[in-house]
PDB file of N, CA and C in Angstrom:
ATOM      1  N   MET A   1     129.263 100.367 124.269  1.00  0.00           N
ATOM      2  CA  MET A   1     128.197  99.414 124.027  1.00  0.00           C
ATOM      3  C   MET A   1     128.441  98.776 122.665  1.00  0.00           C
ATOM      4  N   THR A   2     128.267  97.480 122.598  1.00  0.00           N
ATOM      5  CA  THR A   2     128.487  96.770 121.337  1.00  0.00           C
ATOM      6  C   THR A   2     127.147  96.420 120.696  1.00  0.00           C
ATOM      7  N   ALA A   3     127.192  96.143 119.411  1.00  0.00           N
ATOM      8  CA  ALA A   3     125.983  95.776 118.676  1.00  0.00           C
ATOM      9  C   ALA A   3     125.377  94.495 119.232  1.00  0.00           C
ATOM     10  N   ALA A   4     126.180  93.612 119.771  1.00  0.00           N
ATOM     11  CA  ALA A   4     125.677  92.353 120.311  1.00  0.00           C
ATOM     12  C   ALA A   4     124.851  92.566 121.569  1.00  0.00           C
ATOM     13  N   SER A   5     125.090  93.661 122.294  1.00  0.00           N
ATOM     14  CA  SER A   5     124.355  93.904 123.536  1.00  0.00           C
ATOM     15  C   SER A   5     123.053  94.685 123.326  1.00  0.00           C
ATOM     16  N   LEU A   6     122.820  95.168 122.116  1.00  0.00           N
ATOM     17  CA  LEU A   6     121.594  95.910 121.830  1.00  0.00           C
ATOM     18  C   LEU A   6     120.419  94.961 121.620  1.00  0.00           C
ATOM     19  N   THR A   7     119.259  95.345 122.099  1.00  0.00           N
ATOM     20  CA  THR A   7     118.042  94.548 121.934  1.00  0.00           C
ATOM     21  C   THR A   7     117.134  95.240 120.928  1.00  0.00           C
ATOM     22  N   THR A   8     116.596  94.473 119.997  1.00  0.00           N
ATOM     23  CA  THR A   8     115.659  95.023 119.025  1.00  0.00           C
ATOM     24  C   THR A   8     114.292  95.162 119.691  1.00  0.00           C
ATOM     25  N   VAL A   9     113.715  96.338 119.603  1.00  0.00           N
ATOM     26  CA  VAL A   9     112.415  96.601 120.203  1.00  0.00           C
ATOM     27  C   VAL A   9     111.421  96.871 119.087  1.00  0.00           C
ATOM     28  N   ARG A  10     110.294  96.199 119.148  1.00  0.00           N
ATOM     29  CA  ARG A  10     109.233  96.380 118.145  1.00  0.00           C
ATOM     30  C   ARG A  10     108.514  97.696 118.434  1.00  0.00           C
ATOM     31  N   PRO A  11     108.334  98.584 117.439  1.00  0.00           N
ATOM     32  CA  PRO A  11     107.606  99.847 117.661  1.00  0.00           C
ATOM     33  C   PRO A  11     106.195  99.575 118.181  1.00  0.00           C
ATOM     34  N   TRP A  12     105.733 100.371 119.147  1.00  0.00           N
ATOM     35  CA  TRP A  12     104.430 100.136 119.770  1.00  0.00           C
ATOM     36  C   TRP A  12     103.278 100.202 118.765  1.00  0.00           C
ATOM     37  N   GLY A  13     103.399 101.021 117.737  1.00  0.00           N
ATOM     38  CA  GLY A  13     102.312 101.184 116.777  1.00  0.00           C
ATOM     39  C   GLY A  13     102.031  99.932 115.974  1.00  0.00           C
ATOM     40  N   THR A  14     103.038  99.082 115.778  1.00  0.00           N
ATOM     41  CA  THR A  14     102.807  97.881 114.984  1.00  0.00           C
ATOM     42  C   THR A  14     101.888  96.895 115.696  1.00  0.00           C
ATOM     43  N   SER A  15     101.764  96.985 117.005  1.00  0.00           N
ATOM     44  CA  SER A  15     100.843  96.098 117.715  1.00  0.00           C
ATOM     45  C   SER A  15      99.394  96.505 117.488  1.00  0.00           C
ATOM     46  N   ARG A  16      99.176  97.695 116.956  1.00  0.00           N
ATOM     47  CA  ARG A  16      97.825  98.192 116.713  1.00  0.00           C
ATOM     48  C   ARG A  16      97.359  97.920 115.280  1.00  0.00           C
ATOM     49  N   LEU A  17      98.235  97.397 114.445  1.00  0.00           N
ATOM     50  CA  LEU A  17      97.896  97.142 113.049  1.00  0.00           C
ATOM     51  C   LEU A  17      96.952  95.958 112.924  1.00  0.00           C
ATOM     52  N   SER A  18      96.083  96.013 111.949  1.00  0.00           N
ATOM     53  CA  SER A  18      95.187  94.897 111.641  1.00  0.00           C
ATOM     54  C   SER A  18      94.953  94.891 110.138  1.00  0.00           C
ATOM     55  N   PRO A  19      94.462  93.778 109.601  1.00  0.00           N
ATOM     56  CA  PRO A  19      94.204  93.730 108.153  1.00  0.00           C
ATOM     57  C   PRO A  19      93.144  94.765 107.749  1.00  0.00           C
ATOM     58  N   TYR A  20      93.237  95.218 106.517  1.00  0.00           N
ATOM     59  CA  TYR A  20      92.231  96.134 105.997  1.00  0.00           C
ATOM     60  C   TYR A  20      90.873  95.434 105.980  1.00  0.00           C
ATOM     61  N   PRO A  21      89.785  96.182 106.190  1.00  0.00           N
ATOM     62  CA  PRO A  21      88.456  95.562 106.115  1.00  0.00           C
ATOM     63  C   PRO A  21      88.155  95.134 104.680  1.00  0.00           C
ATOM     64  N   THR A  22      87.155  94.302 104.535  1.00  0.00           N
ATOM     65  CA  THR A  22      86.750  93.844 103.210  1.00  0.00           C
ATOM     66  C   THR A  22      86.387  95.049 102.355  1.00  0.00           C
ATOM     67  N   THR A  23      86.886  95.088 101.154  1.00  0.00           N
ATOM     68  CA  THR A  23      86.608  96.215 100.268  1.00  0.00           C
ATOM     69  C   THR A  23      85.392  95.917  99.401  1.00  0.00           C
ATOM     70  N   ILE A  24      84.784  96.973  98.905  1.00  0.00           N
ATOM     71  CA  ILE A  24      83.623  96.859  98.031  1.00  0.00           C
ATOM     72  C   ILE A  24      84.040  97.359  96.647  1.00  0.00           C
ATOM     73  N   PRO A  25      83.893  96.538  95.611  1.00  0.00           N
ATOM     74  CA  PRO A  25      84.255  97.000  94.272  1.00  0.00           C
ATOM     75  C   PRO A  25      83.364  98.168  93.841  1.00  0.00           C
ATOM     76  N   ARG A  26      83.940  99.153  93.237  1.00  0.00           N
ATOM     77  CA  ARG A  26      83.202 100.304  92.718  1.00  0.00           C
ATOM     78  C   ARG A  26      83.058 100.162  91.211  1.00  0.00           C
ATOM     79  N   PRO A  27      81.991 100.730  90.636  1.00  0.00           N
ATOM     80  CA  PRO A  27      81.729 100.553  89.210  1.00  0.00           C
ATOM     81  C   PRO A  27      82.601 101.414  88.300  1.00  0.00           C
ATOM     82  N   HIS A  28      83.433 102.268  88.848  1.00  0.00           N
ATOM     83  CA  HIS A  28      84.228 103.141  87.986  1.00  0.00           C
ATOM     84  C   HIS A  28      85.648 102.591  87.804  1.00  0.00           C
ATOM     85  N   VAL A  29      86.264 103.003  86.717  1.00  0.00           N
ATOM     86  CA  VAL A  29      87.622 102.585  86.401  1.00  0.00           C
ATOM     87  C   VAL A  29      88.575 103.762  86.532  1.00  0.00           C
ATOM     88  N   SER A  30      88.112 104.950  86.168  1.00  0.00           N
ATOM     89  CA  SER A  30      88.981 106.120  86.247  1.00  0.00           C
ATOM     90  C   SER A  30      88.200 107.327  86.763  1.00  0.00           C
ATOM     91  N   VAL A  31      88.952 108.278  87.289  1.00  0.00           N
ATOM     92  CA  VAL A  31      88.372 109.515  87.809  1.00  0.00           C
ATOM     93  C   VAL A  31      89.181 110.668  87.236  1.00  0.00           C
ATOM     94  N   SER A  32      88.471 111.693  86.764  1.00  0.00           N
ATOM     95  CA  SER A  32      89.135 112.908  86.297  1.00  0.00           C
ATOM     96  C   SER A  32      88.355 114.099  86.837  1.00  0.00           C
ATOM     97  N   VAL A  33      88.926 115.287  86.675  1.00  0.00           N
ATOM     98  CA  VAL A  33      88.277 116.510  87.153  1.00  0.00           C
ATOM     99  C   VAL A  33      87.826 117.330  85.949  1.00  0.00           C
ATOM    100  N   ASP A  34      86.543 117.705  85.954  1.00  0.00           N
ATOM    101  CA  ASP A  34      86.013 118.577  84.905  1.00  0.00           C
ATOM    102  C   ASP A  34      86.626 119.954  85.116  1.00  0.00           C
ATOM    103  N   PRO A  35      87.378 120.476  84.145  1.00  0.00           N
ATOM    104  CA  PRO A  35      88.055 121.761  84.339  1.00  0.00           C
ATOM    105  C   PRO A  35      87.096 122.939  84.520  1.00  0.00           C
ATOM    106  N   GLU A  36      85.882 122.807  83.997  1.00  0.00           N
ATOM    107  CA  GLU A  36      84.919 123.910  84.096  1.00  0.00           C
ATOM    108  C   GLU A  36      84.219 123.938  85.454  1.00  0.00           C
ATOM    109  N   THR A  37      83.763 122.766  85.919  1.00  0.00           N
ATOM    110  CA  THR A  37      83.005 122.723  87.172  1.00  0.00           C
ATOM    111  C   THR A  37      83.864 122.361  88.381  1.00  0.00           C
ATOM    112  N   GLN A  38      85.081 121.830  88.143  1.00  0.00           N
ATOM    113  CA  GLN A  38      85.982 121.367  89.205  1.00  0.00           C
ATOM    114  C   GLN A  38      85.385 120.200  89.991  1.00  0.00           C
ATOM    115  N   LEU A  39      84.481 119.441  89.348  1.00  0.00           N
ATOM    116  CA  LEU A  39      83.877 118.266  89.966  1.00  0.00           C
ATOM    117  C   LEU A  39      84.514 117.005  89.392  1.00  0.00           C
ATOM    118  N   ALA A  40      84.511 115.935  90.195  1.00  0.00           N
ATOM    119  CA  ALA A  40      85.060 114.661  89.740  1.00  0.00           C
ATOM    120  C   ALA A  40      84.107 114.003  88.754  1.00  0.00           C
ATOM    121  N   ILE A  41      84.672 113.379  87.725  1.00  0.00           N
ATOM    122  CA  ILE A  41      83.906 112.622  86.743  1.00  0.00           C
ATOM    123  C   ILE A  41      84.409 111.185  86.805  1.00  0.00           C
ATOM    124  N   PHE A  42      83.505 110.248  87.117  1.00  0.00           N
ATOM    125  CA  PHE A  42      83.834 108.835  87.227  1.00  0.00           C
ATOM    126  C   PHE A  42      83.423 108.147  85.938  1.00  0.00           C
ATOM    127  N   LEU A  43      84.332 107.380  85.334  1.00  0.00           N
ATOM    128  CA  LEU A  43      84.062 106.697  84.071  1.00  0.00           C
ATOM    129  C   LEU A  43      84.193 105.187  84.251  1.00  0.00           C
ATOM    130  N   ASP A  44      83.314 104.413  83.556  1.00  0.00           N
ATOM    131  CA  ASP A  44      83.425 102.959  83.592  1.00  0.00           C
ATOM    132  C   ASP A  44      84.386 102.501  82.498  1.00  0.00           C
ATOM    133  N   ARG A  45      84.519 101.182  82.337  1.00  0.00           N
ATOM    134  CA  ARG A  45      85.470 100.630  81.358  1.00  0.00           C
ATOM    135  C   ARG A  45      85.146 101.043  79.923  1.00  0.00           C
ATOM    136  N   ALA A  46      83.870 101.307  79.630  1.00  0.00           N
ATOM    137  CA  ALA A  46      83.458 101.703  78.280  1.00  0.00           C
ATOM    138  C   ALA A  46      83.583 103.210  78.063  1.00  0.00           C
ATOM    139  N   GLY A  47      83.990 103.953  79.106  1.00  0.00           N
ATOM    140  CA  GLY A  47      84.128 105.399  78.973  1.00  0.00           C
ATOM    141  C   GLY A  47      82.867 106.179  79.280  1.00  0.00           C
ATOM    142  N   HIS A  48      81.833 105.483  79.790  1.00  0.00           N
ATOM    143  CA  HIS A  48      80.575 106.143  80.144  1.00  0.00           C
ATOM    144  C   HIS A  48      80.651 106.702  81.563  1.00  0.00           C
ATOM    145  N   VAL A  49      79.997 107.838  81.775  1.00  0.00           N
ATOM    146  CA  VAL A  49      79.969 108.463  83.098  1.00  0.00           C
ATOM    147  C   VAL A  49      79.160 107.596  84.057  1.00  0.00           C
ATOM    148  N   VAL A  50      79.698 107.371  85.250  1.00  0.00           N
ATOM    149  CA  VAL A  50      79.035 106.586  86.285  1.00  0.00           C
ATOM    150  C   VAL A  50      78.586 107.548  87.379  1.00  0.00           C
ATOM    151  N   GLU A  51      77.297 107.508  87.736  1.00  0.00           N
ATOM    152  CA  GLU A  51      76.769 108.343  88.817  1.00  0.00           C
ATOM    153  C   GLU A  51      77.195 107.717  90.139  1.00  0.00           C
ATOM    154  N   MET A  52      77.873 108.490  90.973  1.00  0.00           N
ATOM    155  CA  MET A  52      78.385 107.968  92.244  1.00  0.00           C
ATOM    156  C   MET A  52      77.519 108.376  93.427  1.00  0.00           C
ATOM    157  N   GLY A  53      76.330 108.873  93.173  1.00  0.00           N
ATOM    158  CA  GLY A  53      75.442 109.239  94.271  1.00  0.00           C
ATOM    159  C   GLY A  53      75.581 110.710  94.628  1.00  0.00           C
ATOM    160  N   LYS A  54      74.629 111.181  95.361  1.00  0.00           N
ATOM    161  CA  LYS A  54      74.597 112.589  95.768  1.00  0.00           C
ATOM    162  C   LYS A  54      75.195 112.738  97.147  1.00  0.00           C
ATOM    163  N   HIS A  55      75.699 113.907  97.419  1.00  0.00           N
ATOM    164  CA  HIS A  55      76.167 114.231  98.759  1.00  0.00           C
ATOM    165  C   HIS A  55      75.840 115.685  99.042  1.00  0.00           C
ATOM    166  N   GLY A  56      75.720 115.996 100.299  1.00  0.00           N
ATOM    167  CA  GLY A  56      75.363 117.355 100.700  1.00  0.00           C
ATOM    168  C   GLY A  56      76.572 118.265 100.803  1.00  0.00           C
ATOM    169  N   THR A  57      76.295 119.506 100.990  1.00  0.00           N
ATOM    170  CA  THR A  57      77.343 120.482 101.233  1.00  0.00           C
ATOM    171  C   THR A  57      77.068 121.137 102.572  1.00  0.00           C
ATOM    172  N   SER A  58      78.078 121.708 103.139  1.00  0.00           N
ATOM    173  CA  SER A  58      77.881 122.376 104.420  1.00  0.00           C
ATOM    174  C   SER A  58      78.733 123.629 104.484  1.00  0.00           C
ATOM    175  N   SER A  59      78.336 124.533 105.340  1.00  0.00           N
ATOM    176  CA  SER A  59      79.101 125.758 105.556  1.00  0.00           C
ATOM    177  C   SER A  59      78.924 126.155 107.014  1.00  0.00           C
ATOM    178  N   GLY A  60      79.829 126.923 107.511  1.00  0.00           N
ATOM    179  CA  GLY A  60      79.730 127.340 108.899  1.00  0.00           C
ATOM    180  C   GLY A  60      80.381 128.691 109.124  1.00  0.00           C
ATOM    181  N   THR A  61      79.976 129.340 110.195  1.00  0.00           N
ATOM    182  CA  THR A  61      80.572 130.622 110.567  1.00  0.00           C
ATOM    183  C   THR A  61      80.881 130.590 112.055  1.00  0.00           C
ATOM    184  N   GLU A  62      81.842 131.376 112.457  1.00  0.00           N
ATOM    185  CA  GLU A  62      82.191 131.491 113.868  1.00  0.00           C
ATOM    186  C   GLU A  62      82.532 132.946 114.151  1.00  0.00           C
ATOM    187  N   THR A  63      81.957 133.459 115.206  1.00  0.00           N
ATOM    188  CA  THR A  63      82.263 134.832 115.607  1.00  0.00           C
ATOM    189  C   THR A  63      82.860 134.817 117.003  1.00  0.00           C
ATOM    190  N   SER A  64      83.670 135.787 117.282  1.00  0.00           N
ATOM    191  CA  SER A  64      84.306 135.899 118.589  1.00  0.00           C
ATOM    192  C   SER A  64      84.019 137.287 119.145  1.00  0.00           C
ATOM    193  N   THR A  65      83.722 137.348 120.435  1.00  0.00           N
ATOM    194  CA  THR A  65      83.452 138.642 121.063  1.00  0.00           C
ATOM    195  C   THR A  65      84.358 138.832 122.264  1.00  0.00           C
ATOM    196  N   SER A  66      84.646 140.065 122.574  1.00  0.00           N
ATOM    197  CA  SER A  66      85.453 140.390 123.742  1.00  0.00           C
ATOM    198  C   SER A  66      84.939 141.706 124.300  1.00  0.00           C
ATOM    199  N   THR A  67      84.537 141.695 125.574  1.00  0.00           N
ATOM    200  CA  THR A  67      84.017 142.915 126.190  1.00  0.00           C
ATOM    201  C   THR A  67      84.667 143.135 127.548  1.00  0.00           C
ATOM    202  N   SER A  68      84.704 144.382 127.985  1.00  0.00           N
ATOM    203  CA  SER A  68      85.164 144.703 129.332  1.00  0.00           C
ATOM    204  C   SER A  68      84.521 146.022 129.739  1.00  0.00           C
ATOM    205  N   ALA A  69      84.450 146.220 131.025  1.00  0.00           N
ATOM    206  CA  ALA A  69      83.804 147.428 131.543  1.00  0.00           C
ATOM    207  C   ALA A  69      84.539 148.701 131.132  1.00  0.00           C
ATOM    208  N   ASP A  70      85.863 148.681 131.202  1.00  0.00           N
ATOM    209  CA  ASP A  70      86.634 149.888 130.872  1.00  0.00           C
ATOM    210  C   ASP A  70      87.275 149.826 129.488  1.00  0.00           C
ATOM    211  N   GLY A  71      87.031 148.745 128.767  1.00  0.00           N
ATOM    212  CA  GLY A  71      87.590 148.623 127.418  1.00  0.00           C
ATOM    213  C   GLY A  71      89.025 148.149 127.407  1.00  0.00           C
ATOM    214  N   GLN A  72      89.630 147.938 128.588  1.00  0.00           N
ATOM    215  CA  GLN A  72      91.036 147.545 128.618  1.00  0.00           C
ATOM    216  C   GLN A  72      91.303 146.322 129.494  1.00  0.00           C
ATOM    217  N   HIS A  73      90.653 146.214 130.644  1.00  0.00           N
ATOM    218  CA  HIS A  73      90.989 145.154 131.592  1.00  0.00           C
ATOM    219  C   HIS A  73      89.774 144.279 131.878  1.00  0.00           C
ATOM    220  N   GLY A  74      90.039 143.084 132.375  1.00  0.00           N
ATOM    221  CA  GLY A  74      88.957 142.197 132.785  1.00  0.00           C
ATOM    222  C   GLY A  74      88.098 141.723 131.629  1.00  0.00           C
ATOM    223  N   ASN A  75      88.733 141.315 130.546  1.00  0.00           N
ATOM    224  CA  ASN A  75      87.982 140.890 129.358  1.00  0.00           C
ATOM    225  C   ASN A  75      87.068 139.702 129.655  1.00  0.00           C
ATOM    226  N   ASP A  76      85.857 139.777 129.139  1.00  0.00           N
ATOM    227  CA  ASP A  76      84.904 138.677 129.169  1.00  0.00           C
ATOM    228  C   ASP A  76      84.770 138.204 127.734  1.00  0.00           C
ATOM    229  N   GLN A  77      85.336 137.035 127.438  1.00  0.00           N
ATOM    230  CA  GLN A  77      85.353 136.571 126.057  1.00  0.00           C
ATOM    231  C   GLN A  77      84.314 135.496 125.835  1.00  0.00           C
ATOM    232  N   GLY A  78      83.779 135.472 124.630  1.00  0.00           N
ATOM    233  CA  GLY A  78      82.808 134.461 124.248  1.00  0.00           C
ATOM    234  C   GLY A  78      82.916 134.189 122.773  1.00  0.00           C
ATOM    235  N   SER A  79      82.192 133.188 122.323  1.00  0.00           N
ATOM    236  CA  SER A  79      82.185 132.891 120.891  1.00  0.00           C
ATOM    237  C   SER A  79      80.838 132.287 120.529  1.00  0.00           C
ATOM    238  N   ASP A  80      80.569 132.250 119.235  1.00  0.00           N
ATOM    239  CA  ASP A  80      79.305 131.737 118.728  1.00  0.00           C
ATOM    240  C   ASP A  80      79.595 130.967 117.461  1.00  0.00           C
ATOM    241  N   GLN A  81      78.960 129.813 117.278  1.00  0.00           N
ATOM    242  CA  GLN A  81      79.155 129.012 116.073  1.00  0.00           C
ATOM    243  C   GLN A  81      77.804 128.678 115.461  1.00  0.00           C
ATOM    244  N   ASP A  82      77.818 128.516 114.138  1.00  0.00           N
ATOM    245  CA  ASP A  82      76.595 128.154 113.446  1.00  0.00           C
ATOM    246  C   ASP A  82      76.963 127.378 112.196  1.00  0.00           C
ATOM    247  N   SER A  83      76.151 126.397 111.833  1.00  0.00           N
ATOM    248  CA  SER A  83      76.450 125.617 110.633  1.00  0.00           C
ATOM    249  C   SER A  83      75.168 125.288 109.885  1.00  0.00           C
ATOM    250  N   ASN A  84      75.322 125.067 108.581  1.00  0.00           N
ATOM    251  CA  ASN A  84      74.200 124.709 107.702  1.00  0.00           C
ATOM    252  C   ASN A  84      74.616 123.504 106.882  1.00  0.00           C
ATOM    253  N   GLN A  85      73.689 122.592 106.651  1.00  0.00           N
ATOM    254  CA  GLN A  85      73.968 121.444 105.804  1.00  0.00           C
ATOM    255  C   GLN A  85      72.761 121.116 104.959  1.00  0.00           C
ATOM    256  N   ASP A  86      72.997 120.827 103.643  1.00  0.00           N
ATOM    257  CA  ASP A  86      71.889 120.423 102.785  1.00  0.00           C
ATOM    258  C   ASP A  86      72.008 118.953 102.491  1.00  0.00           C
TER     259      ASP A  86
END
């Protein structure tokens, strides 16, 4: 096969591309991490802290169970999930 007989094929993913949506300017210029609290600190051009709003936290647990009549065969498996959000 020669290079002249090869056909260039456009990757399928490029047909799904579109321009980025309109962006919204944010009031901060830089972000750093407070070494003590491990939280992000947003600063404006004058070096003042910018409040970026509150957000909640969440946690969850999951348990798994497995039972059988004889302890060895015919397992009946189940699971349970639970979550909390503030």
